[in-house]
């Protein structure tokens, strides 16, 4: 069986807050458009692949529409402005935290490599010192 749809890495799943906004404000209108099929879909029309764990797929071609749905959450005209603005602010904060986490992880990796190099240098110096003090036979 040939798998149809997007071959890219699966999209990050919707957060619980994003799903809550969708269910509360967006059940009665289209939330995603599949460019491959040129059709718009309501949330209830999107399908999931339980074996792969992917959700928000186009029912026709199985293209992953998660990012399309996410974009709708942050741009839905039905949603009150205050709710949409708060959702955007939370999303930006989450993106900033993810960016900072990646930066901290990168710094930690550098520190680990430096520590490993220092340990290896100390080990090498210790062996040299031991060989120099070892009596000849």
N, C-alpha and C. Protein backbone atom coordinates (compact mmCIF):
# COMPACT_ATOMS: atom_id res chain seq x y z
N UNK A 1 0.84 -1.18 0.00
CA UNK A 1 0.00 0.00 0.00
C UNK A 1 0.89 1.25 0.00
N UNK A 2 0.61 2.16 -0.86
CA UNK A 2 1.40 3.38 -0.98
C UNK A 2 0.82 4.43 -0.05
N UNK A 3 1.69 5.00 0.79
CA UNK A 3 1.24 6.04 1.70
C UNK A 3 1.19 7.35 0.96
N UNK A 4 0.07 8.02 1.07
CA UNK A 4 -0.09 9.31 0.42
C UNK A 4 0.02 10.41 1.45
N UNK A 5 0.22 11.62 0.98
CA UNK A 5 0.26 12.76 1.90
C UNK A 5 1.68 13.25 2.10
N UNK A 6 1.86 13.99 3.17
CA UNK A 6 3.14 14.64 3.45
C UNK A 6 4.18 13.63 3.87
N UNK A 7 5.39 13.78 3.33
CA UNK A 7 6.50 12.91 3.69
C UNK A 7 7.41 13.56 4.72
N UNK A 8 7.09 14.79 5.13
CA UNK A 8 7.93 15.50 6.08
C UNK A 8 7.72 14.95 7.48
N UNK A 9 8.56 15.42 8.40
CA UNK A 9 8.45 14.98 9.78
C UNK A 9 7.08 15.38 10.32
N UNK A 10 6.52 14.56 11.20
CA UNK A 10 5.19 14.87 11.73
C UNK A 10 5.21 16.17 12.52
N UNK A 11 4.13 16.91 12.41
CA UNK A 11 4.01 18.18 13.11
C UNK A 11 3.90 17.94 14.61
N UNK A 12 4.33 18.93 15.37
CA UNK A 12 4.18 18.88 16.81
C UNK A 12 2.68 18.87 17.11
N UNK A 13 2.24 17.98 18.00
CA UNK A 13 0.80 17.90 18.29
C UNK A 13 0.28 19.20 18.90
N UNK A 14 -1.02 19.41 18.76
CA UNK A 14 -1.64 20.57 19.38
C UNK A 14 -1.54 20.45 20.90
N UNK A 15 -1.36 21.57 21.55
CA UNK A 15 -1.30 21.59 23.01
C UNK A 15 -2.71 21.42 23.56
N UNK A 16 -2.84 21.05 24.83
CA UNK A 16 -4.18 20.97 25.44
C UNK A 16 -4.94 22.30 25.34
N UNK A 17 -4.25 23.42 25.49
CA UNK A 17 -4.91 24.73 25.39
C UNK A 17 -5.41 24.98 23.97
N UNK A 18 -4.60 24.62 22.97
CA UNK A 18 -5.01 24.80 21.58
C UNK A 18 -6.23 23.93 21.27
N UNK A 19 -6.22 22.69 21.75
CA UNK A 19 -7.37 21.81 21.53
C UNK A 19 -8.63 22.36 22.22
N UNK A 20 -8.47 22.89 23.43
CA UNK A 20 -9.61 23.44 24.16
C UNK A 20 -10.21 24.61 23.39
N UNK A 21 -9.37 25.50 22.86
CA UNK A 21 -9.88 26.63 22.09
C UNK A 21 -10.62 26.15 20.84
N UNK A 22 -10.08 25.14 20.18
CA UNK A 22 -10.74 24.59 19.00
C UNK A 22 -12.13 24.05 19.34
N UNK A 23 -12.20 23.25 20.38
CA UNK A 23 -13.48 22.64 20.75
C UNK A 23 -14.49 23.68 21.23
N UNK A 24 -14.02 24.72 21.87
CA UNK A 24 -14.94 25.71 22.41
C UNK A 24 -15.44 26.68 21.35
N UNK A 25 -14.54 27.13 20.47
CA UNK A 25 -14.91 28.19 19.53
C UNK A 25 -15.05 27.75 18.08
N UNK A 26 -14.49 26.62 17.69
CA UNK A 26 -14.34 26.34 16.26
C UNK A 26 -15.05 25.08 15.76
N UNK A 27 -15.98 24.54 16.53
CA UNK A 27 -16.65 23.32 16.07
C UNK A 27 -17.60 23.55 14.90
N UNK A 28 -18.08 24.77 14.72
CA UNK A 28 -19.12 25.01 13.72
C UNK A 28 -18.62 25.72 12.46
N UNK A 29 -17.33 25.68 12.24
CA UNK A 29 -16.80 26.25 11.00
C UNK A 29 -15.51 25.52 10.61
N UNK A 30 -15.09 25.75 9.37
CA UNK A 30 -13.89 25.08 8.85
C UNK A 30 -12.66 25.56 9.60
N UNK A 31 -11.76 24.61 9.91
CA UNK A 31 -10.55 24.93 10.67
C UNK A 31 -9.27 24.62 9.89
N UNK A 32 -9.39 23.94 8.76
CA UNK A 32 -8.19 23.58 7.98
C UNK A 32 -8.55 23.47 6.51
N UNK A 33 -7.56 23.78 5.70
CA UNK A 33 -7.72 23.63 4.25
C UNK A 33 -6.56 22.79 3.75
N UNK A 34 -6.89 21.74 3.02
CA UNK A 34 -5.88 20.87 2.41
C UNK A 34 -5.58 21.42 1.02
N UNK A 35 -4.35 21.84 0.81
CA UNK A 35 -3.97 22.39 -0.49
C UNK A 35 -3.96 21.31 -1.57
N UNK A 36 -3.62 20.08 -1.17
CA UNK A 36 -3.57 18.98 -2.13
C UNK A 36 -4.93 18.62 -2.68
N UNK A 37 -5.96 18.69 -1.82
CA UNK A 37 -7.32 18.33 -2.23
C UNK A 37 -8.17 19.56 -2.54
N UNK A 38 -7.65 20.74 -2.20
CA UNK A 38 -8.37 22.00 -2.40
C UNK A 38 -9.72 21.98 -1.72
N UNK A 39 -9.75 21.46 -0.48
CA UNK A 39 -11.00 21.41 0.30
C UNK A 39 -10.74 21.92 1.70
N UNK A 40 -11.77 22.51 2.28
CA UNK A 40 -11.73 22.94 3.67
C UNK A 40 -12.48 21.94 4.52
N UNK A 41 -12.04 21.78 5.78
CA UNK A 41 -12.64 20.79 6.66
C UNK A 41 -12.96 21.35 8.03
N UNK A 42 -14.07 20.87 8.58
CA UNK A 42 -14.42 21.12 9.96
C UNK A 42 -13.54 20.22 10.83
N UNK A 43 -13.41 20.56 12.09
CA UNK A 43 -12.60 19.75 13.00
C UNK A 43 -13.10 18.31 13.03
N UNK A 44 -14.41 18.13 13.03
CA UNK A 44 -14.98 16.78 13.11
C UNK A 44 -14.74 15.95 11.85
N UNK A 45 -14.36 16.58 10.75
CA UNK A 45 -14.11 15.86 9.51
C UNK A 45 -12.67 15.36 9.40
N UNK A 46 -11.78 15.92 10.18
CA UNK A 46 -10.38 15.50 10.12
C UNK A 46 -10.24 14.11 10.74
N UNK A 47 -9.28 13.35 10.27
CA UNK A 47 -9.12 11.97 10.74
C UNK A 47 -7.78 11.82 11.46
N UNK A 48 -7.66 10.69 12.16
CA UNK A 48 -6.42 10.38 12.88
C UNK A 48 -5.94 9.01 12.45
N UNK A 49 -4.63 8.83 12.52
CA UNK A 49 -4.02 7.53 12.25
C UNK A 49 -3.52 7.01 13.59
N UNK A 50 -4.26 6.10 14.17
CA UNK A 50 -3.93 5.61 15.51
C UNK A 50 -2.63 4.84 15.55
N UNK A 51 -2.24 4.21 14.45
CA UNK A 51 -1.00 3.44 14.43
C UNK A 51 0.23 4.35 14.46
N UNK A 52 0.16 5.47 13.76
CA UNK A 52 1.31 6.38 13.74
C UNK A 52 1.20 7.46 14.80
N UNK A 53 0.03 7.62 15.39
CA UNK A 53 -0.16 8.64 16.41
C UNK A 53 -0.42 10.02 15.83
N UNK A 54 -0.61 10.11 14.52
CA UNK A 54 -0.85 11.41 13.90
C UNK A 54 -2.34 11.76 13.99
N UNK A 55 -2.61 13.04 14.20
CA UNK A 55 -3.99 13.52 14.25
C UNK A 55 -4.15 14.67 13.27
N UNK A 56 -5.38 15.08 13.04
CA UNK A 56 -5.69 16.21 12.17
C UNK A 56 -5.20 15.98 10.74
N UNK A 57 -5.56 14.83 10.21
CA UNK A 57 -5.18 14.47 8.84
C UNK A 57 -6.34 14.75 7.88
N UNK A 58 -5.99 15.05 6.64
CA UNK A 58 -7.00 15.23 5.60
C UNK A 58 -7.68 13.88 5.36
N UNK A 59 -9.00 13.84 5.34
CA UNK A 59 -9.68 12.55 5.13
C UNK A 59 -9.50 11.99 3.72
N UNK A 60 -9.11 12.83 2.76
CA UNK A 60 -8.93 12.38 1.38
C UNK A 60 -7.53 11.82 1.13
N UNK A 61 -6.52 12.65 1.41
CA UNK A 61 -5.15 12.27 1.04
C UNK A 61 -4.26 11.95 2.24
N UNK A 62 -4.77 12.10 3.43
CA UNK A 62 -4.05 11.83 4.70
C UNK A 62 -2.88 12.78 4.94
N UNK A 63 -2.88 13.92 4.29
CA UNK A 63 -1.86 14.94 4.53
C UNK A 63 -2.06 15.48 5.95
N UNK A 64 -0.97 15.73 6.66
CA UNK A 64 -1.04 16.24 8.04
C UNK A 64 -1.40 17.72 8.00
N UNK A 65 -2.54 18.06 8.58
CA UNK A 65 -3.02 19.44 8.58
C UNK A 65 -2.87 20.10 9.95
N UNK A 66 -2.08 19.51 10.83
CA UNK A 66 -1.94 20.02 12.20
C UNK A 66 -1.50 21.48 12.22
N UNK A 67 -0.48 21.83 11.44
CA UNK A 67 0.00 23.21 11.45
C UNK A 67 -1.05 24.15 10.87
N UNK A 68 -1.81 23.66 9.91
CA UNK A 68 -2.90 24.44 9.34
C UNK A 68 -3.96 24.71 10.41
N UNK A 69 -4.29 23.69 11.19
CA UNK A 69 -5.26 23.83 12.28
C UNK A 69 -4.71 24.79 13.34
N UNK A 70 -3.43 24.64 13.68
CA UNK A 70 -2.81 25.52 14.67
C UNK A 70 -2.88 26.98 14.21
N UNK A 71 -2.59 27.23 12.94
CA UNK A 71 -2.67 28.59 12.40
C UNK A 71 -4.08 29.13 12.54
N UNK A 72 -5.06 28.26 12.32
CA UNK A 72 -6.45 28.70 12.46
C UNK A 72 -6.74 29.13 13.90
N UNK A 73 -6.25 28.37 14.87
CA UNK A 73 -6.51 28.70 16.28
C UNK A 73 -6.06 30.13 16.57
N UNK A 74 -4.90 30.52 16.07
CA UNK A 74 -4.34 31.83 16.40
C UNK A 74 -4.84 32.94 15.47
N UNK A 75 -5.65 32.59 14.48
CA UNK A 75 -6.18 33.60 13.58
C UNK A 75 -7.68 33.54 13.38
N UNK A 76 -8.37 32.74 14.18
CA UNK A 76 -9.81 32.55 14.02
C UNK A 76 -10.57 33.85 14.30
N UNK A 77 -11.37 34.28 13.34
CA UNK A 77 -12.13 35.52 13.50
C UNK A 77 -13.35 35.34 14.41
N UNK A 78 -13.78 34.12 14.63
CA UNK A 78 -14.92 33.84 15.51
C UNK A 78 -14.50 34.01 16.98
N UNK A 79 -13.28 33.68 17.27
CA UNK A 79 -12.76 33.75 18.64
C UNK A 79 -12.68 35.21 19.08
N UNK A 80 -13.09 35.52 20.32
CA UNK A 80 -12.98 36.90 20.80
C UNK A 80 -11.53 37.38 20.75
N UNK A 81 -11.36 38.67 20.44
CA UNK A 81 -10.02 39.24 20.30
C UNK A 81 -9.16 39.02 21.54
N UNK A 82 -9.73 39.21 22.71
CA UNK A 82 -8.96 39.05 23.94
C UNK A 82 -8.44 37.62 24.10
N UNK A 83 -9.28 36.65 23.78
CA UNK A 83 -8.87 35.24 23.88
C UNK A 83 -7.76 34.96 22.86
N UNK A 84 -7.94 35.45 21.65
CA UNK A 84 -6.94 35.22 20.59
C UNK A 84 -5.61 35.87 20.96
N UNK A 85 -5.67 37.09 21.51
CA UNK A 85 -4.44 37.78 21.91
C UNK A 85 -3.73 37.05 23.04
N UNK A 86 -4.51 36.55 24.01
CA UNK A 86 -3.89 35.79 25.11
C UNK A 86 -3.28 34.49 24.60
N UNK A 87 -3.96 33.85 23.69
CA UNK A 87 -3.43 32.60 23.12
C UNK A 87 -2.13 32.88 22.38
N UNK A 88 -2.09 33.96 21.62
CA UNK A 88 -0.86 34.32 20.90
C UNK A 88 0.28 34.62 21.87
N UNK A 89 -0.06 35.36 22.95
CA UNK A 89 0.97 35.69 23.94
C UNK A 89 1.53 34.42 24.59
N UNK A 90 0.64 33.48 24.91
CA UNK A 90 1.10 32.22 25.50
C UNK A 90 1.95 31.43 24.52
N UNK A 91 1.56 31.44 23.25
CA UNK A 91 2.32 30.73 22.23
C UNK A 91 3.72 31.33 22.09
N UNK A 92 3.79 32.66 22.06
CA UNK A 92 5.09 33.33 21.95
C UNK A 92 5.97 33.03 23.16
N UNK A 93 5.36 33.02 24.34
CA UNK A 93 6.11 32.69 25.55
C UNK A 93 6.63 31.25 25.49
N UNK A 94 5.78 30.34 25.05
CA UNK A 94 6.20 28.94 24.93
C UNK A 94 7.33 28.80 23.92
N UNK A 95 7.24 29.51 22.80
CA UNK A 95 8.30 29.45 21.80
C UNK A 95 9.61 30.01 22.36
N UNK A 96 9.52 31.08 23.15
CA UNK A 96 10.71 31.66 23.77
C UNK A 96 11.33 30.67 24.75
N UNK A 97 10.49 29.99 25.54
CA UNK A 97 11.00 29.01 26.50
C UNK A 97 11.68 27.84 25.79
N UNK A 98 11.10 27.41 24.68
CA UNK A 98 11.71 26.32 23.91
C UNK A 98 13.06 26.77 23.37
N UNK A 99 13.13 28.00 22.87
CA UNK A 99 14.39 28.54 22.34
C UNK A 99 15.44 28.60 23.44
N UNK A 100 15.05 29.09 24.63
CA UNK A 100 15.99 29.17 25.75
C UNK A 100 16.44 27.78 26.19
N UNK A 101 15.53 26.82 26.17
CA UNK A 101 15.87 25.45 26.53
C UNK A 101 16.92 24.90 25.57
N UNK A 102 16.75 25.15 24.28
CA UNK A 102 17.73 24.68 23.29
C UNK A 102 19.08 25.34 23.52
N UNK A 103 19.07 26.64 23.84
CA UNK A 103 20.32 27.35 24.09
C UNK A 103 21.02 26.78 25.32
N UNK A 104 20.26 26.51 26.38
CA UNK A 104 20.85 25.94 27.59
C UNK A 104 21.39 24.54 27.33
N UNK A 105 20.67 23.77 26.54
CA UNK A 105 21.14 22.42 26.20
C UNK A 105 22.45 22.50 25.41
N UNK A 106 22.52 23.44 24.48
CA UNK A 106 23.76 23.61 23.70
C UNK A 106 24.92 24.01 24.61
N UNK A 107 24.68 24.93 25.55
CA UNK A 107 25.73 25.34 26.48
C UNK A 107 26.16 24.16 27.35
N UNK A 108 25.21 23.36 27.80
CA UNK A 108 25.53 22.19 28.61
C UNK A 108 26.38 21.21 27.81
N UNK A 109 26.05 21.02 26.53
CA UNK A 109 26.85 20.12 25.69
C UNK A 109 28.29 20.60 25.58
N UNK A 110 28.47 21.91 25.41
CA UNK A 110 29.82 22.48 25.32
C UNK A 110 30.57 22.25 26.63
N UNK A 111 29.92 22.51 27.76
CA UNK A 111 30.56 22.31 29.06
C UNK A 111 30.93 20.85 29.29
N UNK A 112 30.07 19.94 28.87
CA UNK A 112 30.37 18.51 29.01
C UNK A 112 31.60 18.15 28.19
N UNK A 113 31.66 18.64 26.95
CA UNK A 113 32.82 18.35 26.10
C UNK A 113 34.10 18.93 26.70
N UNK A 114 34.02 20.13 27.24
CA UNK A 114 35.18 20.74 27.88
C UNK A 114 35.62 19.94 29.10
N UNK A 115 34.65 19.48 29.89
CA UNK A 115 34.97 18.68 31.07
C UNK A 115 35.60 17.36 30.67
N UNK A 116 35.07 16.72 29.64
CA UNK A 116 35.65 15.46 29.16
C UNK A 116 37.07 15.66 28.67
N UNK A 117 37.31 16.77 27.97
CA UNK A 117 38.67 17.07 27.48
C UNK A 117 39.61 17.31 28.65
N UNK A 118 39.15 18.01 29.69
CA UNK A 118 39.98 18.26 30.87
C UNK A 118 40.29 16.96 31.61
N UNK A 119 39.31 16.07 31.72
CA UNK A 119 39.54 14.77 32.36
C UNK A 119 40.57 13.98 31.58
N UNK A 120 40.44 13.96 30.27
CA UNK A 120 41.38 13.21 29.44
C UNK A 120 42.79 13.81 29.55
N UNK A 121 42.88 15.12 29.59
CA UNK A 121 44.17 15.78 29.74
C UNK A 121 44.79 15.43 31.09
N UNK A 122 43.99 15.45 32.16
CA UNK A 122 44.48 15.09 33.50
C UNK A 122 44.92 13.63 33.54
N UNK A 123 44.17 12.76 32.91
CA UNK A 123 44.50 11.34 32.88
C UNK A 123 45.83 11.12 32.16
N UNK A 124 45.99 11.82 31.05
CA UNK A 124 47.22 11.71 30.28
C UNK A 124 48.41 12.22 31.09
N UNK A 125 48.23 13.34 31.76
CA UNK A 125 49.31 13.90 32.59
C UNK A 125 49.65 12.95 33.75
N UNK A 126 48.65 12.33 34.33
CA UNK A 126 48.87 11.38 35.43
C UNK A 126 49.70 10.19 34.94
N UNK A 127 49.35 9.65 33.77
CA UNK A 127 50.09 8.52 33.23
C UNK A 127 51.55 8.89 32.94
N UNK A 128 51.74 10.08 32.41
CA UNK A 128 53.11 10.55 32.13
C UNK A 128 53.90 10.66 33.42
N UNK A 129 53.26 11.21 34.45
CA UNK A 129 53.93 11.36 35.75
C UNK A 129 54.24 10.00 36.35
N UNK A 130 53.32 9.06 36.24
CA UNK A 130 53.56 7.72 36.77
C UNK A 130 54.70 7.02 36.03
N UNK A 131 54.74 7.19 34.72
CA UNK A 131 55.82 6.57 33.94
C UNK A 131 57.17 7.18 34.30
N UNK A 132 57.18 8.48 34.56
CA UNK A 132 58.44 9.16 34.89
C UNK A 132 58.97 8.74 36.25
N UNK A 133 58.09 8.41 37.19
CA UNK A 133 58.53 8.04 38.54
C UNK A 133 58.71 6.55 38.70
N UNK A 134 58.32 5.78 37.74
CA UNK A 134 58.40 4.32 37.81
C UNK A 134 59.86 3.87 37.69
N UNK A 135 60.30 3.01 38.61
CA UNK A 135 61.69 2.55 38.52
C UNK A 135 61.92 1.68 37.29
N UNK A 136 63.08 1.81 36.69
CA UNK A 136 63.43 1.01 35.52
C UNK A 136 63.83 -0.38 35.96
N UNK A 137 63.53 -1.34 35.18
CA UNK A 137 63.95 -2.71 35.48
C UNK A 137 64.95 -3.21 34.51
